[in-house]
Each structure stands twice: as structure tokens, then as C-alpha cells.
Amino acid sequence: MNDAPLPPDELGHRLTEVFDLVGPLYRRALRKVEQGEAVEGASVGVRSVLDLLRRKGDMTVPQMARVMALSRQFVQRMVNDAAERGWVEGVPNPAHQRSSLIRLTEEGQRLVTLVLGREHMLNRQVGGDLTEAEVEACVRVLREMLKTFDHVDVED
């Protein structure tokens, strides 16, 4: 393996291989999370909202939509579902009176911890004797790929 940066044409071909793997991986992971919905009751979308709030703290729906690259309408539906189940609550937003902050409730924190624990057990089964450097390289590549699409409008 060469440590020199790839020329653009070769990089483009190699990153197509990454996209070809990421799509099926994402869809299969979603299916697995959906299988857990029968146990925990949280859809994939709600699970994503709960985890984002766990990681980032209280946020508005527009803030969550930007971070998740999803439409505000979709995120609002997920927040509404989570609120109906008592997993999140709206709290006053000192910075913007019309856009409440969404906060995890204790029940929401408990649920997302349970879901993430189950997902962690699955991720522990990944083989290949992966090293920290390999995982870090993978994360770096995916972040760079994501930056390429920062300008894409998700509201369509």
C-alpha cells in the first residue's frame, strides 16, 4: 500500500467502491435496528433523534435536521412520536421563543442507552482484526466524503 494521496481519477474510482459498500451496509443496519423496534418501540428515525440529543444535548428541530441532513418535517414527525411516548419534551428556548429546545427525558435516556447497548453488542461481532488506525482512517474517509455533499439541500 502506498501512503501518497491518490490522483483524482483513481480516488474517484476507489470512493465508488466505498459508496457501493456503504449503501447495503446502511440498509442492513437499518433493518437490524428496525427488528429491535418490536422490543424497544423506537423506530430508526426516533432512535436517531434520541441518540443525537444524547450526544449533543438540547437542540431545536431545525438544528437536528441540519446535523442529520434530513428535512425539518421528517425530524418534527420523529420528535412528535418520541414526545408522545414520553422520550423527549419541549423546553423554552432562551435564544428563540418560537422554536423550542427538545430535551431527552429520563425515560428517553434509558431507552437510548438500551438501544445503543444492543447495537454495541452487534458491533462487537465485526471481524477482520481491525486496528485503531484502520477505523480512524475509515472515519476520516467517510467524513471527507460527507463534506463533498455539504451543499446538498435536504428539504426537497
C-alpha atoms as a PDB file:
ATOM      1  CA  MET A   1       0.000   0.000   0.000  1.00  0.00           C
ATOM      2  CA  ASN A   2       1.211   3.455  -0.921  1.00  0.00           C
ATOM      3  CA  ASP A   3       0.796   6.347   1.543  1.00  0.00           C
ATOM      4  CA  ALA A   4       0.813   9.003  -1.193  1.00  0.00           C
ATOM      5  CA  PRO A   5      -2.508  10.756  -1.939  1.00  0.00           C
ATOM      6  CA  LEU A   6      -4.365   9.156  -4.847  1.00  0.00           C
ATOM      7  CA  PRO A   7      -4.734  11.072  -8.110  1.00  0.00           C
ATOM      8  CA  PRO A   8      -8.325  12.393  -8.517  1.00  0.00           C
ATOM      9  CA  ASP A   9      -9.375   9.825 -11.144  1.00  0.00           C
ATOM     10  CA  GLU A  10      -8.142   6.879  -9.097  1.00  0.00           C
ATOM     11  CA  LEU A  11      -9.604   8.369  -5.914  1.00  0.00           C
ATOM     12  CA  GLY A  12     -12.975   8.707  -7.647  1.00  0.00           C
ATOM     13  CA  HIS A  13     -12.963   5.028  -8.630  1.00  0.00           C
ATOM     14  CA  ARG A  14     -11.904   3.863  -5.161  1.00  0.00           C
ATOM     15  CA  LEU A  15     -14.528   6.006  -3.431  1.00  0.00           C
ATOM     16  CA  THR A  16     -17.179   4.490  -5.709  1.00  0.00           C
ATOM     17  CA  GLU A  17     -16.214   1.173  -4.081  1.00  0.00           C
ATOM     18  CA  VAL A  18     -16.865   2.769  -0.683  1.00  0.00           C
ATOM     19  CA  PHE A  19     -20.314   4.011  -1.785  1.00  0.00           C
ATOM     20  CA  ASP A  20     -21.078   0.539  -3.158  1.00  0.00           C
ATOM     21  CA  LEU A  21     -20.457  -0.869   0.333  1.00  0.00           C
ATOM     22  CA  VAL A  22     -21.982   1.922   2.410  1.00  0.00           C
ATOM     23  CA  GLY A  23     -25.421   1.649   0.777  1.00  0.00           C
ATOM     24  CA  PRO A  24     -26.023  -2.048   1.564  1.00  0.00           C
ATOM     25  CA  LEU A  25     -24.374  -1.664   4.978  1.00  0.00           C
ATOM     26  CA  TYR A  26     -26.674   1.226   5.855  1.00  0.00           C
ATOM     27  CA  ARG A  27     -29.814  -0.585   4.665  1.00  0.00           C
ATOM     28  CA  ARG A  28     -28.925  -3.796   6.523  1.00  0.00           C
ATOM     29  CA  ALA A  29     -28.103  -1.879   9.699  1.00  0.00           C
ATOM     30  CA  LEU A  30     -31.460  -0.087   9.459  1.00  0.00           C
ATOM     31  CA  ARG A  31     -33.232  -3.426   9.117  1.00  0.00           C
ATOM     32  CA  LYS A  32     -31.462  -4.724  12.205  1.00  0.00           C
ATOM     33  CA  VAL A  33     -32.414  -1.613  14.194  1.00  0.00           C
ATOM     34  CA  GLU A  34     -35.999  -1.989  12.962  1.00  0.00           C
ATOM     35  CA  GLN A  35     -36.030  -5.566  14.284  1.00  0.00           C
ATOM     36  CA  GLY A  36     -35.295  -4.115  17.712  1.00  0.00           C
ATOM     37  CA  GLU A  37     -38.282  -1.773  17.354  1.00  0.00           C
ATOM     38  CA  ALA A  38     -40.539  -4.637  18.388  1.00  0.00           C
ATOM     39  CA  VAL A  39     -38.647  -4.793  21.691  1.00  0.00           C
ATOM     40  CA  GLU A  40     -37.894  -1.131  22.442  1.00  0.00           C
ATOM     41  CA  GLY A  41     -40.632   0.528  20.397  1.00  0.00           C
ATOM     42  CA  ALA A  42     -38.373   3.138  18.781  1.00  0.00           C
ATOM     43  CA  SER A  43     -38.275   3.446  15.003  1.00  0.00           C
ATOM     44  CA  VAL A  44     -34.971   4.093  13.250  1.00  0.00           C
ATOM     45  CA  GLY A  45     -35.830   7.783  12.908  1.00  0.00           C
ATOM     46  CA  VAL A  46     -36.766   8.180  16.562  1.00  0.00           C
ATOM     47  CA  ARG A  47     -33.654   6.259  17.603  1.00  0.00           C
ATOM     48  CA  SER A  48     -31.551   8.721  15.569  1.00  0.00           C
ATOM     49  CA  VAL A  49     -33.195  11.725  17.241  1.00  0.00           C
ATOM     50  CA  LEU A  50     -32.714  10.243  20.718  1.00  0.00           C
ATOM     51  CA  ASP A  51     -29.059   9.452  20.052  1.00  0.00           C
ATOM     52  CA  LEU A  52     -28.397  12.920  18.636  1.00  0.00           C
ATOM     53  CA  LEU A  53     -29.883  14.526  21.738  1.00  0.00           C
ATOM     54  CA  ARG A  54     -27.833  12.168  23.925  1.00  0.00           C
ATOM     55  CA  ARG A  55     -24.638  13.198  22.144  1.00  0.00           C
ATOM     56  CA  LYS A  56     -25.270  16.927  21.589  1.00  0.00           C
ATOM     57  CA  GLY A  57     -27.734  17.931  24.310  1.00  0.00           C
ATOM     58  CA  ASP A  58     -30.874  20.014  23.867  1.00  0.00           C
ATOM     59  CA  MET A  59     -31.493  21.144  20.283  1.00  0.00           C
ATOM     60  CA  THR A  60     -34.230  22.665  18.149  1.00  0.00           C
ATOM     61  CA  VAL A  61     -35.852  20.645  15.370  1.00  0.00           C
ATOM     62  CA  PRO A  62     -34.153  22.798  12.661  1.00  0.00           C
ATOM     63  CA  GLN A  63     -30.759  22.240  14.336  1.00  0.00           C
ATOM     64  CA  MET A  64     -31.334  18.487  14.433  1.00  0.00           C
ATOM     65  CA  ALA A  65     -32.451  18.465  10.793  1.00  0.00           C
ATOM     66  CA  ARG A  66     -29.254  20.232   9.709  1.00  0.00           C
ATOM     67  CA  VAL A  67     -26.988  17.872  11.663  1.00  0.00           C
ATOM     68  CA  MET A  68     -28.828  14.783  10.432  1.00  0.00           C
ATOM     69  CA  ALA A  69     -29.175  16.059   6.835  1.00  0.00           C
ATOM     70  CA  LEU A  70     -32.901  15.342   6.946  1.00  0.00           C
ATOM     71  CA  SER A  71     -35.937  17.526   6.283  1.00  0.00           C
ATOM     72  CA  ARG A  72     -37.334  19.516   9.200  1.00  0.00           C
ATOM     73  CA  GLN A  73     -40.708  17.915   8.558  1.00  0.00           C
ATOM     74  CA  PHE A  74     -39.335  14.395   8.960  1.00  0.00           C
ATOM     75  CA  VAL A  75     -37.407  15.307  12.112  1.00  0.00           C
ATOM     76  CA  GLN A  76     -40.519  17.007  13.510  1.00  0.00           C
ATOM     77  CA  ARG A  77     -42.528  13.799  12.957  1.00  0.00           C
ATOM     78  CA  MET A  78     -39.846  11.785  14.777  1.00  0.00           C
ATOM     79  CA  VAL A  79     -39.789  14.308  17.643  1.00  0.00           C
ATOM     80  CA  ASN A  80     -43.604  14.201  17.851  1.00  0.00           C
ATOM     81  CA  ASP A  81     -43.524  10.392  18.006  1.00  0.00           C
ATOM     82  CA  ALA A  82     -40.837  10.456  20.701  1.00  0.00           C
ATOM     83  CA  ALA A  83     -42.770  13.111  22.676  1.00  0.00           C
ATOM     84  CA  GLU A  84     -45.993  11.048  22.528  1.00  0.00           C
ATOM     85  CA  ARG A  85     -44.066   8.169  24.099  1.00  0.00           C
ATOM     86  CA  GLY A  86     -42.528  10.373  26.779  1.00  0.00           C
ATOM     87  CA  TRP A  87     -38.960  10.080  25.485  1.00  0.00           C
ATOM     88  CA  VAL A  88     -38.434  13.797  24.732  1.00  0.00           C
ATOM     89  CA  GLU A  89     -40.003  17.065  25.853  1.00  0.00           C
ATOM     90  CA  GLY A  90     -40.031  20.608  24.584  1.00  0.00           C
ATOM     91  CA  VAL A  91     -38.496  23.249  26.825  1.00  0.00           C
ATOM     92  CA  PRO A  92     -38.295  27.041  26.391  1.00  0.00           C
ATOM     93  CA  ASN A  93     -35.517  28.262  24.151  1.00  0.00           C
ATOM     94  CA  PRO A  94     -33.979  31.478  25.510  1.00  0.00           C
ATOM     95  CA  ALA A  95     -32.465  32.210  22.091  1.00  0.00           C
ATOM     96  CA  HIS A  96     -35.693  31.824  20.088  1.00  0.00           C
ATOM     97  CA  GLN A  97     -39.217  31.938  21.536  1.00  0.00           C
ATOM     98  CA  ARG A  98     -40.913  30.217  18.572  1.00  0.00           C
ATOM     99  CA  SER A  99     -38.513  27.268  18.324  1.00  0.00           C
ATOM    100  CA  SER A 100     -38.492  25.166  21.493  1.00  0.00           C
ATOM    101  CA  LEU A 101     -35.493  23.155  22.529  1.00  0.00           C
ATOM    102  CA  ILE A 102     -36.057  19.408  22.523  1.00  0.00           C
ATOM    103  CA  ARG A 103     -34.687  17.554  25.526  1.00  0.00           C
ATOM    104  CA  LEU A 104     -34.359  13.872  26.372  1.00  0.00           C
ATOM    105  CA  THR A 105     -36.469  12.771  29.317  1.00  0.00           C
ATOM    106  CA  GLU A 106     -35.176  10.231  31.839  1.00  0.00           C
ATOM    107  CA  GLU A 107     -37.231   7.581  30.035  1.00  0.00           C
ATOM    108  CA  GLY A 108     -35.713   8.660  26.703  1.00  0.00           C
ATOM    109  CA  GLN A 109     -32.212   8.448  28.173  1.00  0.00           C
ATOM    110  CA  ARG A 110     -32.968   4.960  29.481  1.00  0.00           C
ATOM    111  CA  LEU A 111     -34.317   3.845  26.108  1.00  0.00           C
ATOM    112  CA  VAL A 112     -31.449   5.198  24.018  1.00  0.00           C
ATOM    113  CA  THR A 113     -28.956   3.609  26.422  1.00  0.00           C
ATOM    114  CA  LEU A 114     -30.721   0.265  25.969  1.00  0.00           C
ATOM    115  CA  VAL A 115     -30.806   0.567  22.163  1.00  0.00           C
ATOM    116  CA  LEU A 116     -27.148   1.617  21.955  1.00  0.00           C
ATOM    117  CA  GLY A 117     -26.155  -1.252  24.233  1.00  0.00           C
ATOM    118  CA  ARG A 118     -27.835  -3.727  21.883  1.00  0.00           C
ATOM    119  CA  GLU A 119     -26.165  -2.103  18.877  1.00  0.00           C
ATOM    120  CA  HIS A 120     -22.811  -2.200  20.666  1.00  0.00           C
ATOM    121  CA  MET A 121     -23.155  -5.951  21.160  1.00  0.00           C
ATOM    122  CA  LEU A 122     -23.711  -6.330  17.410  1.00  0.00           C
ATOM    123  CA  ASN A 123     -20.758  -4.094  16.546  1.00  0.00           C
ATOM    124  CA  ARG A 124     -18.509  -6.173  18.793  1.00  0.00           C
ATOM    125  CA  GLN A 125     -19.050  -9.053  16.367  1.00  0.00           C
ATOM    126  CA  VAL A 126     -17.322  -7.276  13.476  1.00  0.00           C
ATOM    127  CA  GLY A 127     -14.325  -9.347  12.453  1.00  0.00           C
ATOM    128  CA  GLY A 128     -11.199  -8.612  10.489  1.00  0.00           C
ATOM    129  CA  ASP A 129      -8.857  -7.842  13.394  1.00  0.00           C
ATOM    130  CA  LEU A 130      -9.330  -4.135  12.709  1.00  0.00           C
ATOM    131  CA  THR A 131      -6.860  -1.748  14.281  1.00  0.00           C
ATOM    132  CA  GLU A 132      -7.488   1.683  15.764  1.00  0.00           C
ATOM    133  CA  ALA A 133      -5.586   3.212  12.834  1.00  0.00           C
ATOM    134  CA  GLU A 134      -7.813   1.414  10.308  1.00  0.00           C
ATOM    135  CA  VAL A 135     -11.012   2.522  11.992  1.00  0.00           C
ATOM    136  CA  GLU A 136      -9.710   6.085  12.293  1.00  0.00           C
ATOM    137  CA  ALA A 137      -8.783   6.042   8.587  1.00  0.00           C
ATOM    138  CA  CYS A 138     -12.291   4.809   7.721  1.00  0.00           C
ATOM    139  CA  VAL A 139     -13.904   7.576   9.782  1.00  0.00           C
ATOM    140  CA  ARG A 140     -11.638  10.172   8.162  1.00  0.00           C
ATOM    141  CA  VAL A 141     -12.509   8.962   4.651  1.00  0.00           C
ATOM    142  CA  LEU A 142     -16.244   8.980   5.360  1.00  0.00           C
ATOM    143  CA  ARG A 143     -16.044  12.494   6.862  1.00  0.00           C
ATOM    144  CA  GLU A 144     -14.254  13.777   3.767  1.00  0.00           C
ATOM    145  CA  MET A 145     -16.838  12.125   1.537  1.00  0.00           C
ATOM    146  CA  LEU A 146     -19.646  13.684   3.573  1.00  0.00           C
ATOM    147  CA  LYS A 147     -18.090  17.153   3.200  1.00  0.00           C
ATOM    148  CA  THR A 148     -18.406  16.787  -0.571  1.00  0.00           C
ATOM    149  CA  PHE A 149     -22.179  16.818  -0.172  1.00  0.00           C
ATOM    150  CA  ASP A 150     -22.489  19.578   2.449  1.00  0.00           C
ATOM    151  CA  HIS A 151     -24.161  21.831  -0.136  1.00  0.00           C
ATOM    152  CA  VAL A 152     -26.930  19.354  -0.986  1.00  0.00           C
ATOM    153  CA  ASP A 153     -30.362  20.646   0.012  1.00  0.00           C
ATOM    154  CA  VAL A 154     -32.238  18.035   2.060  1.00  0.00           C
ATOM    155  CA  GLU A 155     -35.545  19.938   2.082  1.00  0.00           C
ATOM    156  CA  ASP A 156     -36.657  18.731  -1.364  1.00  0.00           C
END
